[in-house]
Amino acid sequence: MKKILYTDFEGVDTVINSMMDNPMLKKAITRTNLYKFWEKILPEKFRGKSKPYSMLPGKVMVVACENSVVAQELSLYKVFLLKKFEPYMKTLNIKVLDLKFDQKKWGM
């Protein structure tokens, strides 16, 4: 029986580097990292009642809310939230100009 040598494998670092060259994947990872900071900027009473859902054209972040009351109250805090989000956005080199709160996205 002939012995088979497996020497043409690419290293994990090579695969990850080639994946990170994909601009869509890089954008998705950056957004996901930004979404992780959402709970840190929220007032205590809203934690667990809203979560980032997606980004719209024009740098608008859609936030899923537990119900319309949470969506309404968070919309009143919009300027405050954007200001608190600013340091995280600068670190990740991403810009969010507006927040849209949507209770219909909560269960998705």
PDB file of N, CA and C in Angstrom:
ATOM      1  N   MET A   1       0.839  -1.176   0.000  1.00  0.00           N
ATOM      2  CA  MET A   1       0.000   0.000   0.000  1.00  0.00           C
ATOM      3  C   MET A   1       0.886   1.243   0.000  1.00  0.00           C
ATOM      4  N   LYS A   2       0.510   2.205  -0.802  1.00  0.00           N
ATOM      5  CA  LYS A   2       1.276   3.442  -0.938  1.00  0.00           C
ATOM      6  C   LYS A   2       0.948   4.397   0.209  1.00  0.00           C
ATOM      7  N   LYS A   3       1.983   4.949   0.795  1.00  0.00           N
ATOM      8  CA  LYS A   3       1.804   5.895   1.899  1.00  0.00           C
ATOM      9  C   LYS A   3       1.485   7.285   1.329  1.00  0.00           C
ATOM     10  N   ILE A   4       0.454   7.916   1.873  1.00  0.00           N
ATOM     11  CA  ILE A   4       0.043   9.245   1.395  1.00  0.00           C
ATOM     12  C   ILE A   4       0.509  10.287   2.400  1.00  0.00           C
ATOM     13  N   LEU A   5       1.202  11.273   1.913  1.00  0.00           N
ATOM     14  CA  LEU A   5       1.661  12.369   2.772  1.00  0.00           C
ATOM     15  C   LEU A   5       0.780  13.589   2.530  1.00  0.00           C
ATOM     16  N   TYR A   6       0.270  14.151   3.587  1.00  0.00           N
ATOM     17  CA  TYR A   6      -0.579  15.333   3.494  1.00  0.00           C
ATOM     18  C   TYR A   6       0.236  16.560   3.890  1.00  0.00           C
ATOM     19  N   THR A   7       0.820  17.192   2.910  1.00  0.00           N
ATOM     20  CA  THR A   7       1.680  18.330   3.213  1.00  0.00           C
ATOM     21  C   THR A   7       1.213  19.623   2.568  1.00  0.00           C
ATOM     22  N   ASP A   8       0.100  19.570   1.850  1.00  0.00           N
ATOM     23  CA  ASP A   8      -0.360  20.772   1.163  1.00  0.00           C
ATOM     24  C   ASP A   8      -1.440  21.529   1.934  1.00  0.00           C
ATOM     25  N   PHE A   9      -1.544  21.291   3.206  1.00  0.00           N
ATOM     26  CA  PHE A   9      -2.555  21.980   4.008  1.00  0.00           C
ATOM     27  C   PHE A   9      -2.158  23.432   4.224  1.00  0.00           C
ATOM     28  N   GLU A  10      -3.176  24.270   4.263  1.00  0.00           N
ATOM     29  CA  GLU A  10      -2.940  25.666   4.611  1.00  0.00           C
ATOM     30  C   GLU A  10      -3.109  25.822   6.116  1.00  0.00           C
ATOM     31  N   GLY A  11      -2.325  26.692   6.686  1.00  0.00           N
ATOM     32  CA  GLY A  11      -2.452  26.949   8.116  1.00  0.00           C
ATOM     33  C   GLY A  11      -3.705  27.753   8.424  1.00  0.00           C
ATOM     34  N   VAL A  12      -4.163  27.657   9.648  1.00  0.00           N
ATOM     35  CA  VAL A  12      -5.357  28.390  10.069  1.00  0.00           C
ATOM     36  C   VAL A  12      -5.158  29.894   9.886  1.00  0.00           C
ATOM     37  N   ASP A  13      -3.980  30.391  10.180  1.00  0.00           N
ATOM     38  CA  ASP A  13      -3.713  31.820  10.027  1.00  0.00           C
ATOM     39  C   ASP A  13      -3.864  32.266   8.575  1.00  0.00           C
ATOM     40  N   THR A  14      -3.454  31.420   7.642  1.00  0.00           N
ATOM     41  CA  THR A  14      -3.590  31.743   6.217  1.00  0.00           C
ATOM     42  C   THR A  14      -5.057  31.796   5.815  1.00  0.00           C
ATOM     43  N   VAL A  15      -5.843  30.837   6.297  1.00  0.00           N
ATOM     44  CA  VAL A  15      -7.272  30.793   5.977  1.00  0.00           C
ATOM     45  C   VAL A  15      -7.980  32.014   6.561  1.00  0.00           C
ATOM     46  N   ILE A  16      -7.692  32.351   7.810  1.00  0.00           N
ATOM     47  CA  ILE A  16      -8.332  33.502   8.453  1.00  0.00           C
ATOM     48  C   ILE A  16      -7.944  34.798   7.746  1.00  0.00           C
ATOM     49  N   ASN A  17      -6.675  34.937   7.393  1.00  0.00           N
ATOM     50  CA  ASN A  17      -6.237  36.139   6.681  1.00  0.00           C
ATOM     51  C   ASN A  17      -6.939  36.282   5.337  1.00  0.00           C
ATOM     52  N   SER A  18      -7.110  35.178   4.627  1.00  0.00           N
ATOM     53  CA  SER A  18      -7.793  35.269   3.338  1.00  0.00           C
ATOM     54  C   SER A  18      -9.273  35.585   3.529  1.00  0.00           C
ATOM     55  N   MET A  19      -9.884  35.084   4.596  1.00  0.00           N
ATOM     56  CA  MET A  19     -11.279  35.410   4.883  1.00  0.00           C
ATOM     57  C   MET A  19     -11.431  36.890   5.236  1.00  0.00           C
ATOM     58  N   MET A  20     -10.474  37.421   5.958  1.00  0.00           N
ATOM     59  CA  MET A  20     -10.558  38.819   6.388  1.00  0.00           C
ATOM     60  C   MET A  20     -10.318  39.785   5.228  1.00  0.00           C
ATOM     61  N   ASP A  21      -9.867  39.288   4.104  1.00  0.00           N
ATOM     62  CA  ASP A  21      -9.736  40.124   2.917  1.00  0.00           C
ATOM     63  C   ASP A  21     -11.099  40.397   2.278  1.00  0.00           C
ATOM     64  N   ASN A  22     -12.104  39.611   2.649  1.00  0.00           N
ATOM     65  CA  ASN A  22     -13.452  39.794   2.137  1.00  0.00           C
ATOM     66  C   ASN A  22     -14.090  40.998   2.840  1.00  0.00           C
ATOM     67  N   PRO A  23     -14.372  42.090   2.124  1.00  0.00           N
ATOM     68  CA  PRO A  23     -14.897  43.297   2.763  1.00  0.00           C
ATOM     69  C   PRO A  23     -16.265  43.100   3.428  1.00  0.00           C
ATOM     70  N   MET A  24     -17.100  42.230   2.882  1.00  0.00           N
ATOM     71  CA  MET A  24     -18.421  41.991   3.481  1.00  0.00           C
ATOM     72  C   MET A  24     -18.288  41.294   4.834  1.00  0.00           C
ATOM     73  N   LEU A  25     -17.377  40.338   4.909  1.00  0.00           N
ATOM     74  CA  LEU A  25     -17.154  39.633   6.168  1.00  0.00           C
ATOM     75  C   LEU A  25     -16.548  40.570   7.201  1.00  0.00           C
ATOM     76  N   LYS A  26     -15.614  41.393   6.770  1.00  0.00           N
ATOM     77  CA  LYS A  26     -14.983  42.352   7.672  1.00  0.00           C
ATOM     78  C   LYS A  26     -16.027  43.319   8.241  1.00  0.00           C
ATOM     79  N   LYS A  27     -16.942  43.776   7.380  1.00  0.00           N
ATOM     80  CA  LYS A  27     -18.007  44.682   7.814  1.00  0.00           C
ATOM     81  C   LYS A  27     -18.934  43.993   8.825  1.00  0.00           C
ATOM     82  N   ALA A  28     -19.272  42.741   8.557  1.00  0.00           N
ATOM     83  CA  ALA A  28     -20.158  41.987   9.452  1.00  0.00           C
ATOM     84  C   ALA A  28     -19.515  41.782  10.821  1.00  0.00           C
ATOM     85  N   ILE A  29     -18.240  41.480  10.849  1.00  0.00           N
ATOM     86  CA  ILE A  29     -17.539  41.282  12.121  1.00  0.00           C
ATOM     87  C   ILE A  29     -17.479  42.591  12.895  1.00  0.00           C
ATOM     88  N   THR A  30     -17.206  43.686  12.208  1.00  0.00           N
ATOM     89  CA  THR A  30     -17.150  44.991  12.866  1.00  0.00           C
ATOM     90  C   THR A  30     -18.504  45.348  13.465  1.00  0.00           C
ATOM     91  N   ARG A  31     -19.569  45.132  12.717  1.00  0.00           N
ATOM     92  CA  ARG A  31     -20.911  45.422  13.227  1.00  0.00           C
ATOM     93  C   ARG A  31     -21.248  44.552  14.430  1.00  0.00           C
ATOM     94  N   THR A  32     -20.890  43.280  14.354  1.00  0.00           N
ATOM     95  CA  THR A  32     -21.155  42.374  15.473  1.00  0.00           C
ATOM     96  C   THR A  32     -20.420  42.837  16.720  1.00  0.00           C
ATOM     97  N   ASN A  33     -19.192  43.276  16.564  1.00  0.00           N
ATOM     98  CA  ASN A  33     -18.446  43.797  17.710  1.00  0.00           C
ATOM     99  C   ASN A  33     -19.109  45.051  18.277  1.00  0.00           C
ATOM    100  N   LEU A  34     -19.602  45.906  17.403  1.00  0.00           N
ATOM    101  CA  LEU A  34     -20.297  47.111  17.862  1.00  0.00           C
ATOM    102  C   LEU A  34     -21.560  46.733  18.635  1.00  0.00           C
ATOM    103  N   TYR A  35     -22.304  45.747  18.139  1.00  0.00           N
ATOM    104  CA  TYR A  35     -23.542  45.326  18.786  1.00  0.00           C
ATOM    105  C   TYR A  35     -23.293  44.809  20.202  1.00  0.00           C
ATOM    106  N   LYS A  36     -22.126  44.257  20.438  1.00  0.00           N
ATOM    107  CA  LYS A  36     -21.805  43.724  21.771  1.00  0.00           C
ATOM    108  C   LYS A  36     -21.757  44.816  22.831  1.00  0.00           C
ATOM    109  N   PHE A  37     -21.529  46.057  22.417  1.00  0.00           N
ATOM    110  CA  PHE A  37     -21.448  47.165  23.371  1.00  0.00           C
ATOM    111  C   PHE A  37     -22.805  47.773  23.700  1.00  0.00           C
ATOM    112  N   TRP A  38     -23.858  47.330  23.034  1.00  0.00           N
ATOM    113  CA  TRP A  38     -25.187  47.921  23.214  1.00  0.00           C
ATOM    114  C   TRP A  38     -25.625  47.905  24.680  1.00  0.00           C
ATOM    115  N   GLU A  39     -25.490  46.768  25.341  1.00  0.00           N
ATOM    116  CA  GLU A  39     -25.928  46.652  26.736  1.00  0.00           C
ATOM    117  C   GLU A  39     -25.165  47.621  27.656  1.00  0.00           C
ATOM    118  N   LYS A  40     -23.933  47.927  27.313  1.00  0.00           N
ATOM    119  CA  LYS A  40     -23.115  48.811  28.149  1.00  0.00           C
ATOM    120  C   LYS A  40     -23.590  50.258  28.136  1.00  0.00           C
ATOM    121  N   ILE A  41     -24.239  50.675  27.044  1.00  0.00           N
ATOM    122  CA  ILE A  41     -24.638  52.081  26.956  1.00  0.00           C
ATOM    123  C   ILE A  41     -26.078  52.313  27.414  1.00  0.00           C
ATOM    124  N   LEU A  42     -26.834  51.241  27.582  1.00  0.00           N
ATOM    125  CA  LEU A  42     -28.245  51.382  27.947  1.00  0.00           C
ATOM    126  C   LEU A  42     -28.434  51.740  29.410  1.00  0.00           C
ATOM    127  N   PRO A  43     -29.456  52.539  29.710  1.00  0.00           N
ATOM    128  CA  PRO A  43     -29.840  52.702  31.112  1.00  0.00           C
ATOM    129  C   PRO A  43     -30.285  51.339  31.667  1.00  0.00           C
ATOM    130  N   GLU A  44     -30.087  51.120  32.929  1.00  0.00           N
ATOM    131  CA  GLU A  44     -30.335  49.835  33.585  1.00  0.00           C
ATOM    132  C   GLU A  44     -31.713  49.238  33.271  1.00  0.00           C
ATOM    133  N   LYS A  45     -32.742  50.054  33.284  1.00  0.00           N
ATOM    134  CA  LYS A  45     -34.101  49.527  33.129  1.00  0.00           C
ATOM    135  C   LYS A  45     -34.391  48.978  31.732  1.00  0.00           C
ATOM    136  N   PHE A  46     -33.538  49.263  30.752  1.00  0.00           N
ATOM    137  CA  PHE A  46     -33.765  48.788  29.380  1.00  0.00           C
ATOM    138  C   PHE A  46     -32.915  47.583  29.007  1.00  0.00           C
ATOM    139  N   ARG A  47     -32.025  47.182  29.892  1.00  0.00           N
ATOM    140  CA  ARG A  47     -31.155  46.043  29.578  1.00  0.00           C
ATOM    141  C   ARG A  47     -31.987  44.769  29.479  1.00  0.00           C
ATOM    142  N   GLY A  48     -31.766  44.047  28.414  1.00  0.00           N
ATOM    143  CA  GLY A  48     -32.513  42.822  28.175  1.00  0.00           C
ATOM    144  C   GLY A  48     -33.837  43.049  27.464  1.00  0.00           C
ATOM    145  N   LYS A  49     -34.172  44.309  27.207  1.00  0.00           N
ATOM    146  CA  LYS A  49     -35.441  44.626  26.560  1.00  0.00           C
ATOM    147  C   LYS A  49     -35.254  45.162  25.146  1.00  0.00           C
ATOM    148  N   SER A  50     -34.004  45.266  24.719  1.00  0.00           N
ATOM    149  CA  SER A  50     -33.712  45.709  23.360  1.00  0.00           C
ATOM    150  C   SER A  50     -32.377  45.115  22.926  1.00  0.00           C
ATOM    151  N   LYS A  51     -32.215  44.988  21.609  1.00  0.00           N
ATOM    152  CA  LYS A  51     -30.953  44.470  21.077  1.00  0.00           C
ATOM    153  C   LYS A  51     -30.778  44.956  19.647  1.00  0.00           C
ATOM    154  N   PRO A  52     -29.553  45.231  19.256  1.00  0.00           N
ATOM    155  CA  PRO A  52     -29.301  45.644  17.877  1.00  0.00           C
ATOM    156  C   PRO A  52     -29.751  44.545  16.920  1.00  0.00           C
ATOM    157  N   TYR A  53     -30.358  44.963  15.823  1.00  0.00           N
ATOM    158  CA  TYR A  53     -30.917  44.001  14.872  1.00  0.00           C
ATOM    159  C   TYR A  53     -30.183  44.035  13.529  1.00  0.00           C
ATOM    160  N   SER A  54     -30.006  45.241  12.974  1.00  0.00           N
ATOM    161  CA  SER A  54     -29.354  45.347  11.667  1.00  0.00           C
ATOM    162  C   SER A  54     -28.939  46.786  11.413  1.00  0.00           C
ATOM    163  N   MET A  55     -28.306  46.978  10.261  1.00  0.00           N
ATOM    164  CA  MET A  55     -27.937  48.324   9.818  1.00  0.00           C
ATOM    165  C   MET A  55     -28.655  48.600   8.514  1.00  0.00           C
ATOM    166  N   LEU A  56     -29.170  49.816   8.398  1.00  0.00           N
ATOM    167  CA  LEU A  56     -29.818  50.267   7.174  1.00  0.00           C
ATOM    168  C   LEU A  56     -28.880  51.204   6.429  1.00  0.00           C
ATOM    169  N   PRO A  57     -29.121  51.405   5.138  1.00  0.00           N
ATOM    170  CA  PRO A  57     -28.332  52.404   4.413  1.00  0.00           C
ATOM    171  C   PRO A  57     -28.465  53.763   5.094  1.00  0.00           C
ATOM    172  N   GLY A  58     -27.436  54.550   5.020  1.00  0.00           N
ATOM    173  CA  GLY A  58     -27.449  55.857   5.668  1.00  0.00           C
ATOM    174  C   GLY A  58     -26.954  55.784   7.099  1.00  0.00           C
ATOM    175  N   LYS A  59     -26.330  54.637   7.457  1.00  0.00           N
ATOM    176  CA  LYS A  59     -25.737  54.445   8.783  1.00  0.00           C
ATOM    177  C   LYS A  59     -26.774  54.525   9.905  1.00  0.00           C
ATOM    178  N   VAL A  60     -27.904  53.876   9.670  1.00  0.00           N
ATOM    179  CA  VAL A  60     -28.990  53.815  10.653  1.00  0.00           C
ATOM    180  C   VAL A  60     -29.004  52.410  11.248  1.00  0.00           C
ATOM    181  N   MET A  61     -28.885  52.332  12.568  1.00  0.00           N
ATOM    182  CA  MET A  61     -28.928  51.044  13.249  1.00  0.00           C
ATOM    183  C   MET A  61     -30.356  50.760  13.696  1.00  0.00           C
ATOM    184  N   VAL A  62     -30.862  49.585  13.331  1.00  0.00           N
ATOM    185  CA  VAL A  62     -32.193  49.154  13.746  1.00  0.00           C
ATOM    186  C   VAL A  62     -32.036  48.384  15.056  1.00  0.00           C
ATOM    187  N   VAL A  63     -32.847  48.761  16.035  1.00  0.00           N
ATOM    188  CA  VAL A  63     -32.803  48.125  17.340  1.00  0.00           C
ATOM    189  C   VAL A  63     -34.146  47.446  17.582  1.00  0.00           C
ATOM    190  N   ALA A  64     -34.110  46.141  17.822  1.00  0.00           N
ATOM    191  CA  ALA A  64     -35.330  45.398  18.139  1.00  0.00           C
ATOM    192  C   ALA A  64     -35.677  45.664  19.597  1.00  0.00           C
ATOM    193  N   CYS A  65     -36.955  45.937  19.854  1.00  0.00           N
ATOM    194  CA  CYS A  65     -37.410  46.252  21.209  1.00  0.00           C
ATOM    195  C   CYS A  65     -38.488  45.267  21.635  1.00  0.00           C
ATOM    196  N   GLU A  66     -38.530  45.003  22.926  1.00  0.00           N
ATOM    197  CA  GLU A  66     -39.475  44.041  23.487  1.00  0.00           C
ATOM    198  C   GLU A  66     -40.931  44.418  23.208  1.00  0.00           C
ATOM    199  N   ASN A  67     -41.233  45.715  23.284  1.00  0.00           N
ATOM    200  CA  ASN A  67     -42.597  46.187  23.020  1.00  0.00           C
ATOM    201  C   ASN A  67     -42.552  47.656  22.618  1.00  0.00           C
ATOM    202  N   SER A  68     -43.714  48.201  22.281  1.00  0.00           N
ATOM    203  CA  SER A  68     -43.762  49.584  21.790  1.00  0.00           C
ATOM    204  C   SER A  68     -43.427  50.601  22.877  1.00  0.00           C
ATOM    205  N   VAL A  69     -43.661  50.264  24.132  1.00  0.00           N
ATOM    206  CA  VAL A  69     -43.323  51.185  25.222  1.00  0.00           C
ATOM    207  C   VAL A  69     -41.807  51.354  25.310  1.00  0.00           C
ATOM    208  N   VAL A  70     -41.085  50.253  25.225  1.00  0.00           N
ATOM    209  CA  VAL A  70     -39.618  50.308  25.247  1.00  0.00           C
ATOM    210  C   VAL A  70     -39.111  51.086  24.034  1.00  0.00           C
ATOM    211  N   ALA A  71     -39.692  50.822  22.871  1.00  0.00           N
ATOM    212  CA  ALA A  71     -39.284  51.528  21.647  1.00  0.00           C
ATOM    213  C   ALA A  71     -39.500  53.033  21.797  1.00  0.00           C
ATOM    214  N   GLN A  72     -40.631  53.422  22.344  1.00  0.00           N
ATOM    215  CA  GLN A  72     -40.941  54.846  22.521  1.00  0.00           C
ATOM    216  C   GLN A  72     -39.978  55.495  23.516  1.00  0.00           C
ATOM    217  N   GLU A  73     -39.754  54.835  24.638  1.00  0.00           N
ATOM    218  CA  GLU A  73     -38.853  55.416  25.644  1.00  0.00           C
ATOM    219  C   GLU A  73     -37.424  55.516  25.121  1.00  0.00           C
ATOM    220  N   LEU A  74     -36.966  54.488  24.417  1.00  0.00           N
ATOM    221  CA  LEU A  74     -35.609  54.543  23.873  1.00  0.00           C
ATOM    222  C   LEU A  74     -35.475  55.631  22.821  1.00  0.00           C
ATOM    223  N   SER A  75     -36.535  55.882  22.071  1.00  0.00           N
ATOM    224  CA  SER A  75     -36.465  56.950  21.069  1.00  0.00           C
ATOM    225  C   SER A  75     -36.283  58.309  21.745  1.00  0.00           C
ATOM    226  N   LEU A  76     -36.771  58.450  22.964  1.00  0.00           N
ATOM    227  CA  LEU A  76     -36.555  59.691  23.715  1.00  0.00           C
ATOM    228  C   LEU A  76     -35.109  59.814  24.189  1.00  0.00           C
ATOM    229  N   TYR A  77     -34.427  58.683  24.331  1.00  0.00           N
ATOM    230  CA  TYR A  77     -33.023  58.653  24.756  1.00  0.00           C
ATOM    231  C   TYR A  77     -32.051  58.633  23.571  1.00  0.00           C
ATOM    232  N   LYS A  78     -32.548  58.761  22.365  1.00  0.00           N
ATOM    233  CA  LYS A  78     -31.738  58.551  21.161  1.00  0.00           C
ATOM    234  C   LYS A  78     -30.437  59.366  21.149  1.00  0.00           C
ATOM    235  N   VAL A  79     -30.528  60.649  21.416  1.00  0.00           N
ATOM    236  CA  VAL A  79     -29.333  61.507  21.393  1.00  0.00           C
ATOM    237  C   VAL A  79     -28.340  61.057  22.463  1.00  0.00           C
ATOM    238  N   PHE A  80     -28.850  60.754  23.643  1.00  0.00           N
ATOM    239  CA  PHE A  80     -28.030  60.275  24.747  1.00  0.00           C
ATOM    240  C   PHE A  80     -27.318  58.969  24.370  1.00  0.00           C
ATOM    241  N   LEU A  81     -28.045  58.035  23.755  1.00  0.00           N
ATOM    242  CA  LEU A  81     -27.475  56.740  23.374  1.00  0.00           C
ATOM    243  C   LEU A  81     -26.396  56.897  22.303  1.00  0.00           C
ATOM    244  N   LEU A  82     -26.655  57.732  21.316  1.00  0.00           N
ATOM    245  CA  LEU A  82     -25.657  57.958  20.270  1.00  0.00           C
ATOM    246  C   LEU A  82     -24.380  58.564  20.850  1.00  0.00           C
ATOM    247  N   LYS A  83     -24.538  59.460  21.817  1.00  0.00           N
ATOM    248  CA  LYS A  83     -23.376  60.091  22.454  1.00  0.00           C
ATOM    249  C   LYS A  83     -22.568  59.057  23.240  1.00  0.00           C
ATOM    250  N   LYS A  84     -23.260  58.172  23.966  1.00  0.00           N
ATOM    251  CA  LYS A  84     -22.565  57.144  24.743  1.00  0.00           C
ATOM    252  C   LYS A  84     -21.938  56.071  23.843  1.00  0.00           C
ATOM    253  N   PHE A  85     -22.508  55.885  22.658  1.00  0.00           N
ATOM    254  CA  PHE A  85     -22.016  54.890  21.702  1.00  0.00           C
ATOM    255  C   PHE A  85     -20.766  55.374  20.970  1.00  0.00           C
ATOM    256  N   GLU A  86     -20.563  56.678  20.960  1.00  0.00           N
ATOM    257  CA  GLU A  86     -19.493  57.295  20.177  1.00  0.00           C
ATOM    258  C   GLU A  86     -18.098  56.710  20.418  1.00  0.00           C
ATOM    259  N   PRO A  87     -17.646  56.544  21.672  1.00  0.00           N
ATOM    260  CA  PRO A  87     -16.295  55.991  21.863  1.00  0.00           C
ATOM    261  C   PRO A  87     -16.127  54.590  21.271  1.00  0.00           C
ATOM    262  N   TYR A  88     -17.161  53.783  21.359  1.00  0.00           N
ATOM    263  CA  TYR A  88     -17.102  52.429  20.801  1.00  0.00           C
ATOM    264  C   TYR A  88     -17.049  52.475  19.275  1.00  0.00           C
ATOM    265  N   MET A  89     -17.805  53.392  18.695  1.00  0.00           N
ATOM    266  CA  MET A  89     -17.798  53.538  17.240  1.00  0.00           C
ATOM    267  C   MET A  89     -16.428  53.989  16.751  1.00  0.00           C
ATOM    268  N   LYS A  90     -15.813  54.920  17.475  1.00  0.00           N
ATOM    269  CA  LYS A  90     -14.488  55.406  17.077  1.00  0.00           C
ATOM    270  C   LYS A  90     -13.461  54.285  17.133  1.00  0.00           C
ATOM    271  N   THR A  91     -13.525  53.473  18.170  1.00  0.00           N
ATOM    272  CA  THR A  91     -12.589  52.361  18.321  1.00  0.00           C
ATOM    273  C   THR A  91     -12.693  51.386  17.160  1.00  0.00           C
ATOM    274  N   LEU A  92     -13.926  51.117  16.708  1.00  0.00           N
ATOM    275  CA  LEU A  92     -14.143  50.159  15.632  1.00  0.00           C
ATOM    276  C   LEU A  92     -14.143  50.805  14.246  1.00  0.00           C
ATOM    277  N   ASN A  93     -13.972  52.121  14.223  1.00  0.00           N
ATOM    278  CA  ASN A  93     -13.965  52.874  12.965  1.00  0.00           C
ATOM    279  C   ASN A  93     -15.258  52.651  12.168  1.00  0.00           C
ATOM    280  N   ILE A  94     -16.383  52.814  12.858  1.00  0.00           N
ATOM    281  CA  ILE A  94     -17.696  52.674  12.242  1.00  0.00           C
ATOM    282  C   ILE A  94     -18.549  53.852  12.699  1.00  0.00           C
ATOM    283  N   LYS A  95     -19.478  54.256  11.883  1.00  0.00           N
ATOM    284  CA  LYS A  95     -20.305  55.416  12.191  1.00  0.00           C
ATOM    285  C   LYS A  95     -21.778  55.020  12.175  1.00  0.00           C
ATOM    286  N   VAL A  96     -22.502  55.410  13.219  1.00  0.00           N
ATOM    287  CA  VAL A  96     -23.945  55.263  13.285  1.00  0.00           C
ATOM    288  C   VAL A  96     -24.505  56.662  13.458  1.00  0.00           C
ATOM    289  N   LEU A  97     -25.320  57.102  12.505  1.00  0.00           N
ATOM    290  CA  LEU A  97     -25.869  58.455  12.550  1.00  0.00           C
ATOM    291  C   LEU A  97     -27.249  58.528  13.191  1.00  0.00           C
ATOM    292  N   ASP A  98     -27.973  57.391  13.173  1.00  0.00           N
ATOM    293  CA  ASP A  98     -29.332  57.408  13.701  1.00  0.00           C
ATOM    294  C   ASP A  98     -29.687  56.024  14.230  1.00  0.00           C
ATOM    295  N   LEU A  99     -30.673  55.983  15.110  1.00  0.00           N
ATOM    296  CA  LEU A  99     -31.188  54.739  15.655  1.00  0.00           C
ATOM    297  C   LEU A  99     -32.667  54.634  15.331  1.00  0.00           C
ATOM    298  N   LYS A 100     -33.085  53.451  14.908  1.00  0.00           N
ATOM    299  CA  LYS A 100     -34.498  53.203  14.641  1.00  0.00           C
ATOM    300  C   LYS A 100     -34.930  52.070  15.554  1.00  0.00           C
ATOM    301  N   PHE A 101     -35.958  52.305  16.348  1.00  0.00           N
ATOM    302  CA  PHE A 101     -36.427  51.315  17.310  1.00  0.00           C
ATOM    303  C   PHE A 101     -37.672  50.634  16.759  1.00  0.00           C
ATOM    304  N   ASP A 102     -37.661  49.292  16.728  1.00  0.00           N
ATOM    305  CA  ASP A 102     -38.731  48.543  16.085  1.00  0.00           C
ATOM    306  C   ASP A 102     -39.129  47.342  16.939  1.00  0.00           C
ATOM    307  N   GLN A 103     -40.344  47.361  17.448  1.00  0.00           N
ATOM    308  CA  GLN A 103     -40.808  46.246  18.273  1.00  0.00           C
ATOM    309  C   GLN A 103     -41.170  45.021  17.435  1.00  0.00           C
ATOM    310  N   LYS A 104     -41.390  45.172  16.148  1.00  0.00           N
ATOM    311  CA  LYS A 104     -41.740  44.047  15.285  1.00  0.00           C
ATOM    312  C   LYS A 104     -40.576  43.082  15.073  1.00  0.00           C
ATOM    313  N   LYS A 105     -39.376  43.550  15.268  1.00  0.00           N
ATOM    314  CA  LYS A 105     -38.189  42.733  15.039  1.00  0.00           C
ATOM    315  C   LYS A 105     -37.820  41.894  16.265  1.00  0.00           C
ATOM    316  N   TRP A 106     -38.489  42.068  17.383  1.00  0.00           N
ATOM    317  CA  TRP A 106     -38.083  41.443  18.649  1.00  0.00           C
ATOM    318  C   TRP A 106     -38.060  39.926  18.576  1.00  0.00           C
ATOM    319  N   GLY A 107     -39.064  39.308  18.058  1.00  0.00           N
ATOM    320  CA  GLY A 107     -39.137  37.855  18.034  1.00  0.00           C
ATOM    321  C   GLY A 107     -38.307  37.197  16.960  1.00  0.00           C
ATOM    322  N   MET A 108     -37.707  37.964  16.103  1.00  0.00           N
ATOM    323  CA  MET A 108     -36.967  37.391  14.970  1.00  0.00           C
ATOM    324  C   MET A 108     -35.572  36.995  15.346  1.00  0.00           C
TER     325      MET A 108
END
